Amino acid sequence: MQFRPEEANREAVISTFNDHRGAITALLPEAEVEHIGSTAVPGALTKGDLDLLVRIPSSQFDSAVAALRRRYAVNQPRSWTSQFASFKQEPADVIPVGVQLVVAGGKDDALFLAWRDRLRTDSGLRERFNAFKRGQVGAGPDEYIEAKAEFIEAELGDSLGNE
């Protein structure tokens, strides 16, 4: 993995976010589209990709999965649940895009939003996460994803009612 400051490609990320948010809301008018991930956090280190959180009512989850499959490639299907699915832009644009589809108000929804919001407001957490990322330079994608999940779980575990 390689990381850079989020401000290095902030303008391109904002433009890409606006484009994808428009495309997704055209497909899913009831969806709320949030910018999450490190490019949504001033002062964070990032791989340079854009992560979107698409929040949809439970009753529309299956149809939303079908609609997003027509626009994006399936990503990490082994992580999918009845309330979570992930996709990615293929081929990747200048700014790679990941789409996390969640049931609004569900556990995954709360996790993504809590993590983004804590990183935005807690400078100590943001610096610990940046230090974690600096320690992941050179790691492979699967190794990084697993280590990042453990880091986030450790940081958010108590605040989400987990032990």
C-alpha atoms as a PDB file:
ATOM      1  CA  MET A   1       0.000   0.000   0.000  1.00  0.00           C
ATOM      2  CA  GLN A   2       1.022   3.551  -0.681  1.00  0.00           C
ATOM      3  CA  PHE A   3      -0.601   6.579   0.958  1.00  0.00           C
ATOM      4  CA  ARG A   4      -0.698  10.319   0.401  1.00  0.00           C
ATOM      5  CA  PRO A   5      -2.407  13.268   2.102  1.00  0.00           C
ATOM      6  CA  GLU A   6      -6.105  13.508   1.175  1.00  0.00           C
ATOM      7  CA  GLU A   7      -5.650  17.101   0.028  1.00  0.00           C
ATOM      8  CA  ALA A   8      -3.334  15.892  -2.780  1.00  0.00           C
ATOM      9  CA  ASN A   9      -6.341  14.986  -4.925  1.00  0.00           C
ATOM     10  CA  ARG A  10      -9.223  16.661  -3.075  1.00  0.00           C
ATOM     11  CA  GLU A  11     -10.605  18.503  -6.127  1.00  0.00           C
ATOM     12  CA  ALA A  12     -10.658  15.356  -8.279  1.00  0.00           C
ATOM     13  CA  VAL A  13     -12.293  13.394  -5.450  1.00  0.00           C
ATOM     14  CA  ILE A  14     -15.026  16.015  -5.010  1.00  0.00           C
ATOM     15  CA  SER A  15     -15.757  16.022  -8.743  1.00  0.00           C
ATOM     16  CA  THR A  16     -15.816  12.210  -8.866  1.00  0.00           C
ATOM     17  CA  PHE A  17     -18.095  12.105  -5.805  1.00  0.00           C
ATOM     18  CA  ASN A  18     -20.568  14.496  -7.409  1.00  0.00           C
ATOM     19  CA  ASP A  19     -20.595  12.457 -10.646  1.00  0.00           C
ATOM     20  CA  HIS A  20     -21.199   9.130  -8.883  1.00  0.00           C
ATOM     21  CA  ARG A  21     -23.728  10.560  -6.437  1.00  0.00           C
ATOM     22  CA  GLY A  22     -25.737  11.849  -9.400  1.00  0.00           C
ATOM     23  CA  ALA A  23     -25.555   8.502 -11.210  1.00  0.00           C
ATOM     24  CA  ILE A  24     -26.546   6.548  -8.094  1.00  0.00           C
ATOM     25  CA  THR A  25     -29.462   8.784  -7.166  1.00  0.00           C
ATOM     26  CA  ALA A  26     -30.705   8.502 -10.758  1.00  0.00           C
ATOM     27  CA  LEU A  27     -30.743   4.700 -10.303  1.00  0.00           C
ATOM     28  CA  LEU A  28     -31.960   4.786  -6.693  1.00  0.00           C
ATOM     29  CA  PRO A  29     -34.017   7.922  -6.000  1.00  0.00           C
ATOM     30  CA  GLU A  30     -34.629   6.909  -2.361  1.00  0.00           C
ATOM     31  CA  ALA A  31     -30.913   6.482  -1.635  1.00  0.00           C
ATOM     32  CA  GLU A  32     -28.784   8.796   0.455  1.00  0.00           C
ATOM     33  CA  VAL A  33     -25.190   8.928  -0.793  1.00  0.00           C
ATOM     34  CA  GLU A  34     -22.470   9.863   1.694  1.00  0.00           C
ATOM     35  CA  HIS A  35     -18.747  10.456   1.134  1.00  0.00           C
ATOM     36  CA  ILE A  36     -16.900   8.207   3.564  1.00  0.00           C
ATOM     37  CA  GLY A  37     -13.361   6.888   3.848  1.00  0.00           C
ATOM     38  CA  SER A  38     -10.157   8.819   4.248  1.00  0.00           C
ATOM     39  CA  THR A  39     -10.754  11.190   1.336  1.00  0.00           C
ATOM     40  CA  ALA A  40     -13.735  12.491   3.367  1.00  0.00           C
ATOM     41  CA  VAL A  41     -11.473  13.363   6.310  1.00  0.00           C
ATOM     42  CA  PRO A  42      -9.323  16.503   6.146  1.00  0.00           C
ATOM     43  CA  GLY A  43      -5.784  15.700   7.266  1.00  0.00           C
ATOM     44  CA  ALA A  44      -6.056  11.950   6.668  1.00  0.00           C
ATOM     45  CA  LEU A  45      -3.704   9.763   4.690  1.00  0.00           C
ATOM     46  CA  THR A  46      -5.398   7.944   1.817  1.00  0.00           C
ATOM     47  CA  LYS A  47      -4.754   5.463  -0.971  1.00  0.00           C
ATOM     48  CA  GLY A  48      -6.405   8.088  -3.172  1.00  0.00           C
ATOM     49  CA  ASP A  49      -9.671   6.266  -3.728  1.00  0.00           C
ATOM     50  CA  LEU A  50     -13.218   7.484  -3.151  1.00  0.00           C
ATOM     51  CA  ASP A  51     -15.546   5.509  -0.896  1.00  0.00           C
ATOM     52  CA  LEU A  52     -19.278   6.063  -1.115  1.00  0.00           C
ATOM     53  CA  LEU A  53     -21.884   4.923   1.377  1.00  0.00           C
ATOM     54  CA  VAL A  54     -25.259   4.308  -0.236  1.00  0.00           C
ATOM     55  CA  ARG A  55     -28.007   4.169   2.391  1.00  0.00           C
ATOM     56  CA  ILE A  56     -31.286   2.572   1.356  1.00  0.00           C
ATOM     57  CA  PRO A  57     -34.452   1.457   3.178  1.00  0.00           C
ATOM     58  CA  SER A  58     -34.478  -2.242   4.046  1.00  0.00           C
ATOM     59  CA  SER A  59     -37.420  -2.916   1.736  1.00  0.00           C
ATOM     60  CA  GLN A  60     -35.376  -1.688  -1.252  1.00  0.00           C
ATOM     61  CA  PHE A  61     -32.084  -3.428  -0.505  1.00  0.00           C
ATOM     62  CA  ASP A  62     -32.410  -6.310  -2.995  1.00  0.00           C
ATOM     63  CA  SER A  63     -33.535  -4.065  -5.854  1.00  0.00           C
ATOM     64  CA  ALA A  64     -30.693  -1.650  -5.019  1.00  0.00           C
ATOM     65  CA  VAL A  65     -28.186  -4.510  -5.242  1.00  0.00           C
ATOM     66  CA  ALA A  66     -29.540  -5.391  -8.683  1.00  0.00           C
ATOM     67  CA  ALA A  67     -29.393  -1.761  -9.858  1.00  0.00           C
ATOM     68  CA  LEU A  68     -25.834  -1.226  -8.626  1.00  0.00           C
ATOM     69  CA  ARG A  69     -24.707  -4.510 -10.253  1.00  0.00           C
ATOM     70  CA  ARG A  70     -25.658  -2.989 -13.597  1.00  0.00           C
ATOM     71  CA  ARG A  71     -23.432   0.055 -12.979  1.00  0.00           C
ATOM     72  CA  TYR A  72     -20.542  -1.318 -10.870  1.00  0.00           C
ATOM     73  CA  ALA A  73     -18.520  -4.506 -10.461  1.00  0.00           C
ATOM     74  CA  VAL A  74     -19.146  -6.706  -7.421  1.00  0.00           C
ATOM     75  CA  ASN A  75     -16.474  -6.245  -4.737  1.00  0.00           C
ATOM     76  CA  GLN A  76     -15.623  -8.601  -1.860  1.00  0.00           C
ATOM     77  CA  PRO A  77     -18.763 -10.778  -2.174  1.00  0.00           C
ATOM     78  CA  ARG A  78     -17.666 -12.972   0.758  1.00  0.00           C
ATOM     79  CA  SER A  79     -18.335  -9.953   3.023  1.00  0.00           C
ATOM     80  CA  TRP A  80     -21.890  -9.441   1.797  1.00  0.00           C
ATOM     81  CA  THR A  81     -24.837  -9.843   4.158  1.00  0.00           C
ATOM     82  CA  SER A  82     -28.566  -9.228   3.962  1.00  0.00           C
ATOM     83  CA  GLN A  83     -27.829  -5.556   4.843  1.00  0.00           C
ATOM     84  CA  PHE A  84     -24.453  -4.914   3.193  1.00  0.00           C
ATOM     85  CA  ALA A  85     -23.017  -5.226  -0.312  1.00  0.00           C
ATOM     86  CA  SER A  86     -19.972  -3.631  -1.906  1.00  0.00           C
ATOM     87  CA  PHE A  87     -19.084  -2.655  -5.433  1.00  0.00           C
ATOM     88  CA  LYS A  88     -16.285  -0.928  -7.316  1.00  0.00           C
ATOM     89  CA  GLN A  89     -15.861   1.042 -10.504  1.00  0.00           C
ATOM     90  CA  GLU A  90     -14.276  -1.040 -13.254  1.00  0.00           C
ATOM     91  CA  PRO A  91     -12.274  -0.049 -15.008  1.00  0.00           C
ATOM     92  CA  ALA A  92     -11.070   2.275 -12.317  1.00  0.00           C
ATOM     93  CA  ASP A  93     -11.191   5.948 -13.196  1.00  0.00           C
ATOM     94  CA  VAL A  94      -8.386   8.316 -12.304  1.00  0.00           C
ATOM     95  CA  ILE A  95      -9.952   8.170  -8.840  1.00  0.00           C
ATOM     96  CA  PRO A  96     -10.882   4.543  -8.023  1.00  0.00           C
ATOM     97  CA  VAL A  97     -14.396   4.305  -6.573  1.00  0.00           C
ATOM     98  CA  GLY A  98     -15.790   1.903  -3.991  1.00  0.00           C
ATOM     99  CA  VAL A  99     -19.512   1.752  -3.210  1.00  0.00           C
ATOM    100  CA  GLN A 100     -20.788   0.364   0.090  1.00  0.00           C
ATOM    101  CA  LEU A 101     -24.527  -0.340   0.008  1.00  0.00           C
ATOM    102  CA  VAL A 102     -26.171  -0.565   3.432  1.00  0.00           C
ATOM    103  CA  VAL A 103     -29.596  -0.664   4.981  1.00  0.00           C
ATOM    104  CA  ALA A 104     -30.164   2.780   6.490  1.00  0.00           C
ATOM    105  CA  GLY A 105     -30.115   2.590  10.275  1.00  0.00           C
ATOM    106  CA  GLY A 106     -28.438  -0.819  10.318  1.00  0.00           C
ATOM    107  CA  LYS A 107     -25.226  -1.859  12.045  1.00  0.00           C
ATOM    108  CA  ASP A 108     -23.034  -1.370   8.970  1.00  0.00           C
ATOM    109  CA  ASP A 109     -24.554   2.067   8.353  1.00  0.00           C
ATOM    110  CA  ALA A 110     -23.748   3.117  11.927  1.00  0.00           C
ATOM    111  CA  LEU A 111     -20.207   1.767  11.697  1.00  0.00           C
ATOM    112  CA  PHE A 112     -19.288   3.597   8.488  1.00  0.00           C
ATOM    113  CA  LEU A 113     -20.757   6.905   9.619  1.00  0.00           C
ATOM    114  CA  ALA A 114     -19.364   6.682  13.160  1.00  0.00           C
ATOM    115  CA  TRP A 115     -15.869   5.959  11.839  1.00  0.00           C
ATOM    116  CA  ARG A 116     -15.915   8.860   9.384  1.00  0.00           C
ATOM    117  CA  ASP A 117     -17.346  11.268  11.936  1.00  0.00           C
ATOM    118  CA  ARG A 118     -14.881  10.246  14.663  1.00  0.00           C
ATOM    119  CA  LEU A 119     -11.947  10.677  12.280  1.00  0.00           C
ATOM    120  CA  ARG A 120     -13.199  14.152  11.388  1.00  0.00           C
ATOM    121  CA  THR A 121     -13.566  15.296  14.995  1.00  0.00           C
ATOM    122  CA  ASP A 122     -10.908  13.365  16.946  1.00  0.00           C
ATOM    123  CA  SER A 123      -7.434  14.540  15.929  1.00  0.00           C
ATOM    124  CA  GLY A 124      -5.777  11.933  18.165  1.00  0.00           C
ATOM    125  CA  LEU A 125      -7.646   9.109  16.467  1.00  0.00           C
ATOM    126  CA  ARG A 126      -6.871  10.582  13.048  1.00  0.00           C
ATOM    127  CA  GLU A 127      -3.156  10.691  13.889  1.00  0.00           C
ATOM    128  CA  ARG A 128      -3.225   7.095  15.242  1.00  0.00           C
ATOM    129  CA  PHE A 129      -4.919   5.984  12.026  1.00  0.00           C
ATOM    130  CA  ASN A 130      -2.370   7.878   9.911  1.00  0.00           C
ATOM    131  CA  ALA A 131       0.438   6.229  11.922  1.00  0.00           C
ATOM    132  CA  PHE A 132      -1.215   2.834  11.376  1.00  0.00           C
ATOM    133  CA  LYS A 133      -1.286   3.523   7.631  1.00  0.00           C
ATOM    134  CA  ARG A 134       2.363   4.572   7.571  1.00  0.00           C
ATOM    135  CA  GLY A 135       3.089   1.165   9.099  1.00  0.00           C
ATOM    136  CA  GLN A 136       1.176  -0.518   6.256  1.00  0.00           C
ATOM    137  CA  VAL A 137       3.303   0.925   3.431  1.00  0.00           C
ATOM    138  CA  GLY A 138       4.284  -2.024   1.276  1.00  0.00           C
ATOM    139  CA  ALA A 139       1.565  -4.341   2.619  1.00  0.00           C
ATOM    140  CA  GLY A 140      -0.589  -6.238   0.155  1.00  0.00           C
ATOM    141  CA  PRO A 141      -4.251  -5.302  -0.315  1.00  0.00           C
ATOM    142  CA  ASP A 142      -5.685  -8.288   1.565  1.00  0.00           C
ATOM    143  CA  GLU A 143      -3.250  -7.874   4.451  1.00  0.00           C
ATOM    144  CA  TYR A 144      -4.069  -4.169   4.668  1.00  0.00           C
ATOM    145  CA  ILE A 145      -7.850  -4.712   4.586  1.00  0.00           C
ATOM    146  CA  GLU A 146      -7.648  -7.244   7.418  1.00  0.00           C
ATOM    147  CA  ALA A 147      -5.334  -5.091   9.547  1.00  0.00           C
ATOM    148  CA  LYS A 148      -7.487  -2.001   8.953  1.00  0.00           C
ATOM    149  CA  ALA A 149     -10.646  -3.847  10.018  1.00  0.00           C
ATOM    150  CA  GLU A 150      -8.929  -4.916  13.248  1.00  0.00           C
ATOM    151  CA  PHE A 151      -7.743  -1.356  13.908  1.00  0.00           C
ATOM    152  CA  ILE A 152     -11.207   0.119  13.356  1.00  0.00           C
ATOM    153  CA  GLU A 153     -12.904  -2.552  15.462  1.00  0.00           C
ATOM    154  CA  ALA A 154     -10.471  -1.904  18.303  1.00  0.00           C
ATOM    155  CA  GLU A 155     -11.067   1.856  18.125  1.00  0.00           C
ATOM    156  CA  LEU A 156     -14.844   1.736  17.750  1.00  0.00           C
ATOM    157  CA  GLY A 157     -15.678  -1.422  19.679  1.00  0.00           C
ATOM    158  CA  ASP A 158     -16.743   0.235  22.925  1.00  0.00           C
ATOM    159  CA  SER A 159     -18.548   3.144  21.286  1.00  0.00           C
ATOM    160  CA  LEU A 160     -20.730   0.778  19.245  1.00  0.00           C
ATOM    161  CA  GLY A 161     -21.608  -1.442  22.190  1.00  0.00           C
ATOM    162  CA  ASN A 162     -19.204  -4.235  21.226  1.00  0.00           C
ATOM    163  CA  GLU A 163     -16.871  -5.981  23.598  1.00  0.00           C
END
